[in-house]
Amino acid sequence: MTKFDELLTNEYVNEYISMAKKMFSEPKIYDAKGNLSKRWYVYFYYRNPETGKMEKQKPIFKGANRFKTRAEHGSFKYLS
């Protein structure tokens, strides 16, 4: 096998493996175990294209903390 063929084969394998890796994690809600005095937020991880590693996105608050009761905070999970 020539050097050029090896490079093409390795590039194909590397690209195929990187496509199989998730680019994003499932979004999750940090609810401070129901503690209303702490801030609730949504977070997720994304794959940094430069390093190829998963990095945590900055928390997204989007008004989750405007609710005053635990039941209202729970409804935040269903907002779009």
Protein backbone atom coordinates (compact mmCIF):
# COMPACT_ATOMS: atom_id res chain seq x y z
CA MET A 1 0.00 0.00 0.00
CA THR A 2 1.39 3.40 -0.94
CA LYS A 3 1.71 6.25 1.51
CA PHE A 4 -1.09 8.11 -0.29
CA ASP A 5 -3.43 5.12 0.06
CA GLU A 6 -2.62 4.89 3.78
CA LEU A 7 -3.42 8.57 4.28
CA LEU A 8 -6.75 8.23 2.48
CA THR A 9 -7.68 5.13 4.46
CA ASN A 10 -6.76 6.72 7.79
CA GLU A 11 -8.62 9.92 6.93
CA TYR A 12 -11.74 7.92 6.07
CA VAL A 13 -11.56 5.91 9.30
CA ASN A 14 -10.95 9.02 11.43
CA GLU A 15 -13.84 10.89 9.80
CA TYR A 16 -16.16 7.90 10.20
CA ILE A 17 -15.29 7.62 13.91
CA SER A 18 -15.78 11.35 14.50
CA MET A 19 -19.22 11.19 12.84
CA ALA A 20 -20.24 8.49 15.30
CA LYS A 21 -19.42 10.71 18.27
CA LYS A 22 -22.22 12.86 19.63
CA MET A 23 -21.91 16.56 18.92
CA PHE A 24 -24.25 17.51 21.80
CA SER A 25 -25.50 15.91 25.00
CA GLU A 26 -29.13 15.84 26.02
CA PRO A 27 -30.12 19.10 27.75
CA LYS A 28 -30.61 18.74 31.50
CA ILE A 29 -32.27 20.91 34.11
CA TYR A 30 -30.38 21.77 37.28
CA ASP A 31 -33.14 22.16 39.85
CA ALA A 32 -30.98 22.45 43.00
CA LYS A 33 -32.84 19.43 44.38
CA GLY A 34 -35.99 21.53 44.68
CA ASN A 35 -34.32 24.38 46.58
CA LEU A 36 -36.12 27.59 45.53
CA SER A 37 -33.42 29.86 46.97
CA LYS A 38 -30.91 28.62 44.37
CA ARG A 39 -31.02 29.39 40.66
CA TRP A 40 -32.44 26.77 38.32
CA TYR A 41 -31.05 26.46 34.80
CA VAL A 42 -30.66 24.30 31.71
CA TYR A 43 -27.26 22.98 30.70
CA PHE A 44 -25.73 20.67 28.13
CA TYR A 45 -22.37 19.69 26.67
CA TYR A 46 -21.15 20.23 23.12
CA ARG A 47 -18.15 18.90 21.23
CA ASN A 48 -15.54 21.61 20.68
CA PRO A 49 -14.49 21.34 17.01
CA GLU A 50 -10.94 22.47 17.80
CA THR A 51 -10.20 20.01 20.61
CA GLY A 52 -12.74 17.28 19.87
CA LYS A 53 -13.66 17.19 23.59
CA MET A 54 -17.03 17.71 25.20
CA GLU A 55 -17.32 21.10 26.93
CA LYS A 56 -20.10 22.44 29.14
CA GLN A 57 -22.23 25.21 27.66
CA LYS A 58 -22.83 28.23 29.89
CA PRO A 59 -26.05 27.80 31.90
CA ILE A 60 -29.26 29.00 30.26
CA PHE A 61 -31.61 30.61 32.78
CA LYS A 62 -34.38 31.95 30.47
CA GLY A 63 -36.64 33.17 33.27
CA ALA A 64 -36.75 29.92 35.24
CA ASN A 65 -36.16 31.79 38.47
CA ARG A 66 -39.13 34.15 38.17
CA PHE A 67 -41.42 31.47 39.62
CA LYS A 68 -42.12 31.63 43.35
CA THR A 69 -43.40 28.13 44.18
CA ARG A 70 -41.97 24.68 43.61
CA ALA A 71 -44.94 23.72 41.40
CA GLU A 72 -44.34 26.75 39.17
CA HIS A 73 -40.64 25.93 39.00
CA GLY A 74 -41.59 22.40 37.94
CA SER A 75 -43.62 23.81 35.07
CA PHE A 76 -40.39 25.30 33.71
CA LYS A 77 -39.47 21.81 32.51
CA TYR A 78 -42.33 21.93 30.02
CA LEU A 79 -41.75 25.40 28.60
CA SER A 80 -40.33 25.62 25.12
